[in-house]
Amino acid sequence: MDLKAEMIEMKKTFLIALTLGGLTSCLGFIANQQPADAAAWQVIKTRDYTHSRSALSTPYYVNKKGNVYMWNLHHTKRLHNLKNYPRTSFWLEKSVELRQGTKRKIFYRVSSIGNVNGYIYRGYLTKGWNPARSLNNSAELEQQLINQLPGLESDQQLQSLANAYGENITGDDFDEYSNMLDRVLGPQHKLVIFDDQSVNPLLQSPQNYGPYVKTAITNALQTKLGKSINDLQNWRMGIYAYPYSSSYYGSGALILMPPKN
C-alpha cells in the first residue's frame, strides 16, 4: 500500500472512531438523564379544594413518626421534613393522582397557617387537629369564657377555626390566618382579638380568670365593633384562650357570625 492510500485508510479509521465515540457519549448522556426523568411523578388527575369551605375548615396532621417529606408536585425536590413540625396542623388545598411507571398514588397538597406547604402522600395524614398542639388547659379556660358570654351560641365550625389561632400566630402568620377565615366564612364573620389588659393581676389571682377576661372581651368588642355582649344575642361564636403556661395568658381570639336565619 502506497503512502497516499495508507493516509486515506487512517483518516477513515479516525472518522469512524470519532463518530462511534460521539455516539457513545450521546447515548451515555441520554442514559444518565433517563433515571431523573423516570423518577419524576406524572400528574394523572387533580381536584381543587381551595373553594371548598368544608375542606378549608378541616385540619389534618401527620400520623407517621420519623422522616416524612413534603415535596414539589413532580417529586423532584424535597421542600420540608415534617418531623420538624411535630405540633402543626395542615389544611387541604388539592388532591392529585400521580403515576411513576406502574405505580399510582394519591397525594395531597396541604398548607399550614405558618405557610409550610407542598405535597404529601395522603396515607401519612389523618383528619383532625394535631393532638400534640400546644393547647394545655385552653379548653378549660374557653369553657369559663363561654359561661361569661350568655346569649352567644357555641358553634363547632367556629370553635375549630378558633383553635387554629393557638398555633403561635404572629406577624405574617396572622395575615394568613385572617385570609383563611375570609375564604372559609366570608365577609360576615368578625374576628376580635382580646389582649388589651395587663396580665399581672390575673397571674396573682388566677381564680378571677373568667370575670377578668370578660372585661377584656367587652373592651375589645366595643373598640372593634362598637357593640356590647348584649348586642350579640344568638350570634354564633368560637373562642380560643391562651393557656396559663403561655406568655399571652389572658389573651385570645373570638370569632363571631350572625345568627342563622
C-alpha atoms as a PDB file:
ATOM      1  CA  MET A   1       0.000   0.000   0.000  1.00  0.00           C
ATOM      2  CA  ASP A   2       1.457   3.346  -1.014  1.00  0.00           C
ATOM      3  CA  LEU A   3       1.713   6.251   1.407  1.00  0.00           C
ATOM      4  CA  LYS A   4      -1.291   8.114  -0.012  1.00  0.00           C
ATOM      5  CA  ALA A   5      -3.596   5.104   0.271  1.00  0.00           C
ATOM      6  CA  GLU A   6      -2.360   4.441   3.810  1.00  0.00           C
ATOM      7  CA  MET A   7      -3.150   8.011   4.853  1.00  0.00           C
ATOM      8  CA  ILE A   8      -6.663   7.741   3.363  1.00  0.00           C
ATOM      9  CA  GLU A   9      -7.248   4.494   5.282  1.00  0.00           C
ATOM     10  CA  MET A  10      -6.039   6.049   8.550  1.00  0.00           C
ATOM     11  CA  LYS A  11      -8.339   9.015   8.011  1.00  0.00           C
ATOM     12  CA  LYS A  12     -11.339   6.705   7.529  1.00  0.00           C
ATOM     13  CA  THR A  13     -10.467   4.804  10.696  1.00  0.00           C
ATOM     14  CA  PHE A  14     -10.150   8.049  12.643  1.00  0.00           C
ATOM     15  CA  LEU A  15     -13.511   9.339  11.409  1.00  0.00           C
ATOM     16  CA  ILE A  16     -15.229   6.062  12.269  1.00  0.00           C
ATOM     17  CA  ALA A  17     -13.722   6.103  15.767  1.00  0.00           C
ATOM     18  CA  LEU A  18     -14.718   9.736  16.246  1.00  0.00           C
ATOM     19  CA  THR A  19     -18.282   9.008  15.139  1.00  0.00           C
ATOM     20  CA  LEU A  20     -18.589   5.976  17.383  1.00  0.00           C
ATOM     21  CA  GLY A  21     -17.115   7.900  20.304  1.00  0.00           C
ATOM     22  CA  GLY A  22     -19.573  10.727  19.858  1.00  0.00           C
ATOM     23  CA  LEU A  23     -22.462   8.291  19.581  1.00  0.00           C
ATOM     24  CA  THR A  24     -21.353   6.505  22.737  1.00  0.00           C
ATOM     25  CA  SER A  25     -21.094   9.803  24.601  1.00  0.00           C
ATOM     26  CA  CYS A  26     -24.513  10.829  23.404  1.00  0.00           C
ATOM     27  CA  LEU A  27     -26.040   7.507  24.447  1.00  0.00           C
ATOM     28  CA  GLY A  28     -24.299   7.783  27.781  1.00  0.00           C
ATOM     29  CA  PHE A  29     -25.690  11.280  28.289  1.00  0.00           C
ATOM     30  CA  ILE A  30     -29.188  10.080  27.415  1.00  0.00           C
ATOM     31  CA  ALA A  31     -28.831   7.110  29.752  1.00  0.00           C
ATOM     32  CA  ASN A  32     -27.704   9.398  32.538  1.00  0.00           C
ATOM     33  CA  GLN A  33     -30.735  11.613  32.007  1.00  0.00           C
ATOM     34  CA  GLN A  34     -33.303   8.835  31.958  1.00  0.00           C
ATOM     35  CA  PRO A  35     -33.317   7.989  35.681  1.00  0.00           C
ATOM     36  CA  ALA A  36     -34.131  11.585  36.658  1.00  0.00           C
ATOM     37  CA  ASP A  37     -36.966  11.757  34.121  1.00  0.00           C
ATOM     38  CA  ALA A  38     -38.204   8.304  35.015  1.00  0.00           C
ATOM     39  CA  ALA A  39     -38.166   9.184  38.722  1.00  0.00           C
ATOM     40  CA  ALA A  40     -40.489  12.162  38.268  1.00  0.00           C
ATOM     41  CA  TRP A  41     -44.132  11.502  39.071  1.00  0.00           C
ATOM     42  CA  GLN A  42     -46.600  12.393  36.331  1.00  0.00           C
ATOM     43  CA  VAL A  43     -49.965  14.035  37.059  1.00  0.00           C
ATOM     44  CA  ILE A  44     -52.989  11.902  36.130  1.00  0.00           C
ATOM     45  CA  LYS A  45     -55.832  13.752  37.834  1.00  0.00           C
ATOM     46  CA  THR A  46     -56.237  16.866  40.012  1.00  0.00           C
ATOM     47  CA  ARG A  47     -59.027  18.043  42.288  1.00  0.00           C
ATOM     48  CA  ASP A  48     -59.034  21.568  43.720  1.00  0.00           C
ATOM     49  CA  TYR A  49     -60.359  22.203  47.233  1.00  0.00           C
ATOM     50  CA  THR A  50     -59.413  25.869  47.602  1.00  0.00           C
ATOM     51  CA  HIS A  51     -63.060  26.920  47.169  1.00  0.00           C
ATOM     52  CA  SER A  52     -64.476  24.250  49.471  1.00  0.00           C
ATOM     53  CA  ARG A  53     -65.376  25.744  52.839  1.00  0.00           C
ATOM     54  CA  SER A  54     -65.698  22.274  54.314  1.00  0.00           C
ATOM     55  CA  ALA A  55     -62.161  21.324  53.260  1.00  0.00           C
ATOM     56  CA  LEU A  56     -60.687  24.634  54.340  1.00  0.00           C
ATOM     57  CA  SER A  57     -62.130  24.242  57.826  1.00  0.00           C
ATOM     58  CA  THR A  58     -60.985  20.615  58.253  1.00  0.00           C
ATOM     59  CA  PRO A  59     -57.454  20.243  59.623  1.00  0.00           C
ATOM     60  CA  TYR A  60     -55.093  17.298  59.114  1.00  0.00           C
ATOM     61  CA  TYR A  61     -51.996  16.151  60.947  1.00  0.00           C
ATOM     62  CA  VAL A  62     -49.090  13.837  60.084  1.00  0.00           C
ATOM     63  CA  ASN A  63     -49.641  10.373  61.571  1.00  0.00           C
ATOM     64  CA  LYS A  64     -46.195   8.900  60.801  1.00  0.00           C
ATOM     65  CA  LYS A  65     -43.184   9.152  63.074  1.00  0.00           C
ATOM     66  CA  GLY A  66     -39.695   9.961  61.856  1.00  0.00           C
ATOM     67  CA  ASN A  67     -38.850  11.443  58.470  1.00  0.00           C
ATOM     68  CA  VAL A  68     -41.884  12.463  56.425  1.00  0.00           C
ATOM     69  CA  TYR A  69     -41.057  14.639  53.448  1.00  0.00           C
ATOM     70  CA  MET A  70     -43.139  17.288  51.757  1.00  0.00           C
ATOM     71  CA  TRP A  71     -42.372  17.530  48.016  1.00  0.00           C
ATOM     72  CA  ASN A  72     -42.953  19.695  44.999  1.00  0.00           C
ATOM     73  CA  LEU A  73     -45.592  18.443  42.556  1.00  0.00           C
ATOM     74  CA  HIS A  74     -43.407  16.091  40.479  1.00  0.00           C
ATOM     75  CA  HIS A  75     -41.340  14.906  43.449  1.00  0.00           C
ATOM     76  CA  THR A  76     -38.067  16.231  42.113  1.00  0.00           C
ATOM     77  CA  LYS A  77     -37.367  18.337  45.209  1.00  0.00           C
ATOM     78  CA  ARG A  78     -37.879  17.879  48.931  1.00  0.00           C
ATOM     79  CA  LEU A  79     -39.382  21.012  50.475  1.00  0.00           C
ATOM     80  CA  HIS A  80     -39.752  20.156  54.166  1.00  0.00           C
ATOM     81  CA  ASN A  81     -39.119  17.347  56.613  1.00  0.00           C
ATOM     82  CA  LEU A  82     -42.327  17.294  58.624  1.00  0.00           C
ATOM     83  CA  LYS A  83     -40.692  15.731  61.652  1.00  0.00           C
ATOM     84  CA  ASN A  84     -39.548  19.323  62.258  1.00  0.00           C
ATOM     85  CA  TYR A  85     -43.209  20.396  62.602  1.00  0.00           C
ATOM     86  CA  PRO A  86     -44.485  17.917  65.219  1.00  0.00           C
ATOM     87  CA  ARG A  87     -47.344  20.102  66.513  1.00  0.00           C
ATOM     88  CA  THR A  88     -48.550  21.605  63.227  1.00  0.00           C
ATOM     89  CA  SER A  89     -51.970  21.128  61.638  1.00  0.00           C
ATOM     90  CA  PHE A  90     -52.467  21.393  57.870  1.00  0.00           C
ATOM     91  CA  TRP A  91     -55.338  22.231  55.520  1.00  0.00           C
ATOM     92  CA  LEU A  92     -56.154  20.511  52.243  1.00  0.00           C
ATOM     93  CA  GLU A  93     -55.806  22.563  49.043  1.00  0.00           C
ATOM     94  CA  LYS A  94     -55.562  19.943  46.268  1.00  0.00           C
ATOM     95  CA  SER A  95     -55.743  16.205  45.706  1.00  0.00           C
ATOM     96  CA  VAL A  96     -53.617  14.816  42.870  1.00  0.00           C
ATOM     97  CA  GLU A  97     -53.255  11.332  41.455  1.00  0.00           C
ATOM     98  CA  LEU A  98     -49.650  10.768  40.382  1.00  0.00           C
ATOM     99  CA  ARG A  99     -48.041   7.965  38.391  1.00  0.00           C
ATOM    100  CA  GLN A 100     -44.473   6.728  38.362  1.00  0.00           C
ATOM    101  CA  GLY A 101     -44.100   3.791  35.984  1.00  0.00           C
ATOM    102  CA  THR A 102     -46.737   1.268  37.063  1.00  0.00           C
ATOM    103  CA  LYS A 103     -47.228   2.867  40.492  1.00  0.00           C
ATOM    104  CA  ARG A 104     -50.132   5.214  41.202  1.00  0.00           C
ATOM    105  CA  LYS A 105     -50.700   7.141  44.418  1.00  0.00           C
ATOM    106  CA  ILE A 106     -52.880   9.957  45.730  1.00  0.00           C
ATOM    107  CA  PHE A 107     -51.045  12.944  47.175  1.00  0.00           C
ATOM    108  CA  TYR A 108     -52.487  15.953  48.966  1.00  0.00           C
ATOM    109  CA  ARG A 109     -51.229  19.477  48.597  1.00  0.00           C
ATOM    110  CA  VAL A 110     -51.581  20.936  52.067  1.00  0.00           C
ATOM    111  CA  SER A 111     -50.515  24.107  53.822  1.00  0.00           C
ATOM    112  CA  SER A 112     -50.203  25.269  57.400  1.00  0.00           C
ATOM    113  CA  ILE A 113     -51.091  28.640  58.819  1.00  0.00           C
ATOM    114  CA  GLY A 114     -47.336  29.253  59.004  1.00  0.00           C
ATOM    115  CA  ASN A 115     -47.146  28.785  55.209  1.00  0.00           C
ATOM    116  CA  VAL A 116     -45.465  25.365  55.218  1.00  0.00           C
ATOM    117  CA  ASN A 117     -46.902  23.883  52.029  1.00  0.00           C
ATOM    118  CA  GLY A 118     -46.301  21.144  49.490  1.00  0.00           C
ATOM    119  CA  TYR A 119     -47.355  17.620  48.504  1.00  0.00           C
ATOM    120  CA  ILE A 120     -47.520  14.637  50.852  1.00  0.00           C
ATOM    121  CA  TYR A 121     -48.799  11.083  50.435  1.00  0.00           C
ATOM    122  CA  ARG A 122     -52.357  11.065  51.772  1.00  0.00           C
ATOM    123  CA  GLY A 123     -51.735   7.904  53.798  1.00  0.00           C
ATOM    124  CA  TYR A 124     -49.474   9.946  56.071  1.00  0.00           C
ATOM    125  CA  LEU A 125     -52.314  12.310  57.011  1.00  0.00           C
ATOM    126  CA  THR A 126     -55.209  11.942  59.447  1.00  0.00           C
ATOM    127  CA  LYS A 127     -58.218  14.239  59.687  1.00  0.00           C
ATOM    128  CA  GLY A 128     -58.398  16.296  62.849  1.00  0.00           C
ATOM    129  CA  TRP A 129     -56.362  18.653  64.965  1.00  0.00           C
ATOM    130  CA  ASN A 130     -52.812  17.621  65.717  1.00  0.00           C
ATOM    131  CA  PRO A 131     -53.098  16.046  69.179  1.00  0.00           C
ATOM    132  CA  ALA A 132     -49.614  17.357  70.029  1.00  0.00           C
ATOM    133  CA  ARG A 133     -50.571  21.004  69.527  1.00  0.00           C
ATOM    134  CA  SER A 134     -49.992  23.309  72.489  1.00  0.00           C
ATOM    135  CA  LEU A 135     -53.426  23.843  73.970  1.00  0.00           C
ATOM    136  CA  ASN A 136     -52.639  22.761  77.539  1.00  0.00           C
ATOM    137  CA  ASN A 137     -55.574  23.998  79.646  1.00  0.00           C
ATOM    138  CA  SER A 138     -57.088  26.157  76.893  1.00  0.00           C
ATOM    139  CA  ALA A 139     -60.296  24.104  76.690  1.00  0.00           C
ATOM    140  CA  GLU A 140     -60.961  24.643  80.390  1.00  0.00           C
ATOM    141  CA  LEU A 141     -60.366  28.383  80.062  1.00  0.00           C
ATOM    142  CA  GLU A 142     -62.561  28.575  76.970  1.00  0.00           C
ATOM    143  CA  GLN A 143     -65.427  26.990  78.879  1.00  0.00           C
ATOM    144  CA  GLN A 144     -65.032  29.623  81.576  1.00  0.00           C
ATOM    145  CA  LEU A 145     -65.313  32.324  78.920  1.00  0.00           C
ATOM    146  CA  ILE A 146     -68.352  30.701  77.312  1.00  0.00           C
ATOM    147  CA  ASN A 147     -70.022  30.825  80.710  1.00  0.00           C
ATOM    148  CA  GLN A 148     -69.249  34.558  80.819  1.00  0.00           C
ATOM    149  CA  LEU A 149     -70.926  35.196  77.444  1.00  0.00           C
ATOM    150  CA  PRO A 150     -74.610  34.319  77.900  1.00  0.00           C
ATOM    151  CA  GLY A 151     -76.755  34.622  74.825  1.00  0.00           C
ATOM    152  CA  LEU A 152     -73.985  33.654  72.401  1.00  0.00           C
ATOM    153  CA  GLU A 153     -74.130  30.174  70.888  1.00  0.00           C
ATOM    154  CA  SER A 154     -71.091  27.912  70.619  1.00  0.00           C
ATOM    155  CA  ASP A 155     -70.543  26.745  67.040  1.00  0.00           C
ATOM    156  CA  GLN A 156     -68.461  23.670  66.211  1.00  0.00           C
ATOM    157  CA  GLN A 157     -67.019  25.035  62.966  1.00  0.00           C
ATOM    158  CA  LEU A 158     -66.154  28.394  64.511  1.00  0.00           C
ATOM    159  CA  GLN A 159     -64.591  26.660  67.510  1.00  0.00           C
ATOM    160  CA  SER A 160     -62.463  24.543  65.195  1.00  0.00           C
ATOM    161  CA  LEU A 161     -61.248  27.661  63.421  1.00  0.00           C
ATOM    162  CA  ALA A 162     -60.635  29.469  66.707  1.00  0.00           C
ATOM    163  CA  ASN A 163     -58.435  26.604  67.912  1.00  0.00           C
ATOM    164  CA  ALA A 164     -56.186  27.241  64.917  1.00  0.00           C
ATOM    165  CA  TYR A 165     -55.408  30.638  66.360  1.00  0.00           C
ATOM    166  CA  GLY A 166     -53.434  28.932  69.090  1.00  0.00           C
ATOM    167  CA  GLU A 167     -50.648  27.743  66.802  1.00  0.00           C
ATOM    168  CA  ASN A 168     -48.279  30.599  67.657  1.00  0.00           C
ATOM    169  CA  ILE A 169     -49.817  33.060  65.232  1.00  0.00           C
ATOM    170  CA  THR A 170     -47.759  36.216  64.868  1.00  0.00           C
ATOM    171  CA  GLY A 171     -46.836  38.626  62.081  1.00  0.00           C
ATOM    172  CA  ASP A 172     -47.318  37.143  58.627  1.00  0.00           C
ATOM    173  CA  ASP A 173     -48.983  34.080  60.150  1.00  0.00           C
ATOM    174  CA  PHE A 174     -51.794  36.293  61.424  1.00  0.00           C
ATOM    175  CA  ASP A 175     -52.385  37.646  57.905  1.00  0.00           C
ATOM    176  CA  GLU A 176     -52.520  34.076  56.597  1.00  0.00           C
ATOM    177  CA  TYR A 177     -55.000  33.160  59.328  1.00  0.00           C
ATOM    178  CA  SER A 178     -57.216  36.166  58.559  1.00  0.00           C
ATOM    179  CA  ASN A 179     -57.189  35.273  54.863  1.00  0.00           C
ATOM    180  CA  MET A 180     -58.218  31.716  55.702  1.00  0.00           C
ATOM    181  CA  LEU A 181     -61.184  32.992  57.721  1.00  0.00           C
ATOM    182  CA  ASP A 182     -62.200  35.211  54.803  1.00  0.00           C
ATOM    183  CA  ARG A 183     -62.161  32.218  52.450  1.00  0.00           C
ATOM    184  CA  VAL A 184     -63.996  29.872  54.798  1.00  0.00           C
ATOM    185  CA  LEU A 185     -66.545  32.170  56.435  1.00  0.00           C
ATOM    186  CA  GLY A 186     -66.955  35.036  54.015  1.00  0.00           C
ATOM    187  CA  PRO A 187     -67.387  38.730  54.845  1.00  0.00           C
ATOM    188  CA  GLN A 188     -69.970  38.294  57.602  1.00  0.00           C
ATOM    189  CA  HIS A 189     -67.567  36.944  60.194  1.00  0.00           C
ATOM    190  CA  LYS A 190     -65.935  39.100  62.857  1.00  0.00           C
ATOM    191  CA  LEU A 191     -62.548  38.328  64.384  1.00  0.00           C
ATOM    192  CA  VAL A 192     -61.978  40.002  67.734  1.00  0.00           C
ATOM    193  CA  ILE A 193     -58.616  39.760  69.485  1.00  0.00           C
ATOM    194  CA  PHE A 194     -58.764  40.429  73.219  1.00  0.00           C
ATOM    195  CA  ASP A 195     -55.395  41.318  74.686  1.00  0.00           C
ATOM    196  CA  ASP A 196     -55.724  44.869  75.926  1.00  0.00           C
ATOM    197  CA  GLN A 197     -55.134  44.422  79.657  1.00  0.00           C
ATOM    198  CA  SER A 198     -52.115  43.924  81.852  1.00  0.00           C
ATOM    199  CA  VAL A 199     -51.881  40.258  82.771  1.00  0.00           C
ATOM    200  CA  ASN A 200     -50.092  40.806  86.099  1.00  0.00           C
ATOM    201  CA  PRO A 201     -53.252  40.980  88.276  1.00  0.00           C
ATOM    202  CA  LEU A 202     -54.514  37.807  86.609  1.00  0.00           C
ATOM    203  CA  LEU A 203     -51.320  35.908  87.373  1.00  0.00           C
ATOM    204  CA  GLN A 204     -51.650  36.939  91.005  1.00  0.00           C
ATOM    205  CA  SER A 205     -55.307  35.841  91.208  1.00  0.00           C
ATOM    206  CA  PRO A 206     -55.921  33.158  88.535  1.00  0.00           C
ATOM    207  CA  GLN A 207     -59.273  32.266  90.121  1.00  0.00           C
ATOM    208  CA  ASN A 208     -60.601  35.544  88.685  1.00  0.00           C
ATOM    209  CA  TYR A 209     -59.872  34.456  85.100  1.00  0.00           C
ATOM    210  CA  GLY A 210     -63.467  34.429  83.813  1.00  0.00           C
ATOM    211  CA  PRO A 211     -64.576  37.880  85.015  1.00  0.00           C
ATOM    212  CA  TYR A 212     -61.177  39.389  84.240  1.00  0.00           C
ATOM    213  CA  VAL A 213     -61.090  38.251  80.619  1.00  0.00           C
ATOM    214  CA  LYS A 214     -64.779  39.054  80.165  1.00  0.00           C
ATOM    215  CA  THR A 215     -63.772  42.675  80.768  1.00  0.00           C
ATOM    216  CA  ALA A 216     -61.047  42.363  78.122  1.00  0.00           C
ATOM    217  CA  ILE A 217     -63.559  40.915  75.640  1.00  0.00           C
ATOM    218  CA  THR A 218     -66.097  43.639  76.451  1.00  0.00           C
ATOM    219  CA  ASN A 219     -63.499  46.328  75.769  1.00  0.00           C
ATOM    220  CA  ALA A 220     -62.357  44.655  72.540  1.00  0.00           C
ATOM    221  CA  LEU A 221     -65.933  44.327  71.245  1.00  0.00           C
ATOM    222  CA  GLN A 222     -66.598  47.988  71.910  1.00  0.00           C
ATOM    223  CA  THR A 223     -63.336  49.072  70.282  1.00  0.00           C
ATOM    224  CA  LYS A 224     -63.578  46.930  67.139  1.00  0.00           C
ATOM    225  CA  LEU A 225     -67.319  46.526  66.578  1.00  0.00           C
ATOM    226  CA  GLY A 226     -68.900  49.269  68.657  1.00  0.00           C
ATOM    227  CA  LYS A 227     -71.033  46.583  70.302  1.00  0.00           C
ATOM    228  CA  SER A 228     -71.591  45.140  73.754  1.00  0.00           C
ATOM    229  CA  ILE A 229     -72.090  41.486  74.659  1.00  0.00           C
ATOM    230  CA  ASN A 230     -75.828  42.156  74.971  1.00  0.00           C
ATOM    231  CA  ASP A 231     -75.898  43.334  71.340  1.00  0.00           C
ATOM    232  CA  LEU A 232     -74.755  39.891  70.184  1.00  0.00           C
ATOM    233  CA  GLN A 233     -77.632  37.740  71.408  1.00  0.00           C
ATOM    234  CA  ASN A 234     -77.908  34.486  69.393  1.00  0.00           C
ATOM    235  CA  TRP A 235     -74.712  35.202  67.478  1.00  0.00           C
ATOM    236  CA  ARG A 236     -72.556  32.130  66.916  1.00  0.00           C
ATOM    237  CA  MET A 237     -69.051  32.025  68.323  1.00  0.00           C
ATOM    238  CA  GLY A 238     -65.795  30.136  68.616  1.00  0.00           C
ATOM    239  CA  ILE A 239     -63.224  31.216  71.181  1.00  0.00           C
ATOM    240  CA  TYR A 240     -59.562  30.495  71.858  1.00  0.00           C
ATOM    241  CA  ALA A 241     -57.876  31.335  75.164  1.00  0.00           C
ATOM    242  CA  TYR A 242     -54.117  31.159  75.664  1.00  0.00           C
ATOM    243  CA  PRO A 243     -53.225  28.710  78.457  1.00  0.00           C
ATOM    244  CA  TYR A 244     -51.667  29.585  81.786  1.00  0.00           C
ATOM    245  CA  SER A 245     -48.229  28.458  80.562  1.00  0.00           C
ATOM    246  CA  SER A 246     -48.274  30.956  77.682  1.00  0.00           C
ATOM    247  CA  SER A 247     -46.759  34.419  77.804  1.00  0.00           C
ATOM    248  CA  TYR A 248     -50.074  35.523  76.208  1.00  0.00           C
ATOM    249  CA  TYR A 249     -52.154  34.168  79.111  1.00  0.00           C
ATOM    250  CA  GLY A 250     -55.256  36.322  79.495  1.00  0.00           C
ATOM    251  CA  SER A 251     -55.451  36.958  75.745  1.00  0.00           C
ATOM    252  CA  GLY A 252     -57.144  35.125  72.909  1.00  0.00           C
ATOM    253  CA  ALA A 253     -59.405  35.313  69.894  1.00  0.00           C
ATOM    254  CA  LEU A 254     -63.166  35.389  69.421  1.00  0.00           C
ATOM    255  CA  ILE A 255     -64.744  34.520  66.056  1.00  0.00           C
ATOM    256  CA  LEU A 256     -68.328  35.677  65.569  1.00  0.00           C
ATOM    257  CA  MET A 257     -71.014  35.035  62.966  1.00  0.00           C
ATOM    258  CA  PRO A 258     -74.561  36.476  62.842  1.00  0.00           C
ATOM    259  CA  PRO A 259     -77.462  34.220  63.880  1.00  0.00           C
ATOM    260  CA  LYS A 260     -78.656  31.688  61.332  1.00  0.00           C
ATOM    261  CA  ASN A 261     -81.865  32.696  59.584  1.00  0.00           C
END
